[in-house]
Amino acid sequence: MKEISLFEVVLRTVARFAAVSGVIGLLLWVTWVMLDVKSMQSGFTLPS
């Protein structure tokens, strides 16, 4: 097992957190957009 510096551990943790929060943020945004589209259906048409 090779030596891993503290900086590398911190960097990996930050990268993983950024990736997870990005995915969660994207899911929340998509959900919010879908709910928003349903609530304001009048005058708003999706391109078919």
Protein backbone atom coordinates (compact mmCIF):
# COMPACT_ATOMS: atom_id res chain seq x y z
CA MET A 1 0.00 0.00 0.00
CA LYS A 2 1.52 3.27 -1.08
CA GLU A 3 1.79 6.33 1.10
CA ILE A 4 -1.14 8.72 0.63
CA SER A 5 -0.64 12.31 1.69
CA LEU A 6 -3.23 14.13 3.79
CA PHE A 7 -3.68 16.61 0.94
CA GLU A 8 -4.61 13.80 -1.45
CA VAL A 9 -7.15 12.38 1.02
CA VAL A 10 -8.73 15.81 1.50
CA LEU A 11 -8.76 16.41 -2.26
CA ARG A 12 -10.49 13.07 -2.91
CA THR A 13 -13.07 13.74 -0.19
CA VAL A 14 -13.82 17.18 -1.61
CA ALA A 15 -14.07 15.77 -5.15
CA ARG A 16 -16.45 13.02 -4.03
CA PHE A 17 -18.58 15.52 -2.10
CA ALA A 18 -18.71 17.85 -5.13
CA ALA A 19 -19.79 14.98 -7.40
CA VAL A 20 -22.50 13.76 -5.02
CA SER A 21 -23.86 17.24 -4.34
CA GLY A 22 -23.85 17.94 -8.08
CA VAL A 23 -25.93 14.84 -8.82
CA ILE A 24 -28.35 15.62 -5.97
CA GLY A 25 -28.63 19.22 -7.14
CA LEU A 26 -29.38 18.09 -10.69
CA LEU A 27 -32.08 15.67 -9.48
CA LEU A 28 -33.68 18.37 -7.31
CA TRP A 29 -33.59 20.85 -10.21
CA VAL A 30 -35.20 18.37 -12.64
CA THR A 31 -37.89 17.51 -10.07
CA TRP A 32 -38.58 21.21 -9.42
CA VAL A 33 -38.82 21.95 -13.15
CA MET A 34 -41.25 19.05 -13.69
CA LEU A 35 -43.47 20.18 -10.81
CA ASP A 36 -43.27 23.77 -12.05
CA VAL A 37 -44.32 22.71 -15.57
CA LYS A 38 -47.31 20.81 -14.17
CA SER A 39 -48.46 23.76 -12.05
CA MET A 40 -48.17 26.32 -14.86
CA GLN A 41 -49.42 24.26 -17.78
CA SER A 42 -51.52 27.13 -19.20
CA GLY A 43 -49.58 29.19 -21.70
CA PHE A 44 -46.60 26.89 -21.58
CA THR A 45 -46.10 24.18 -24.18
CA LEU A 46 -43.18 21.80 -24.47
CA PRO A 47 -41.73 21.48 -27.98
CA SER A 48 -42.94 18.22 -29.48
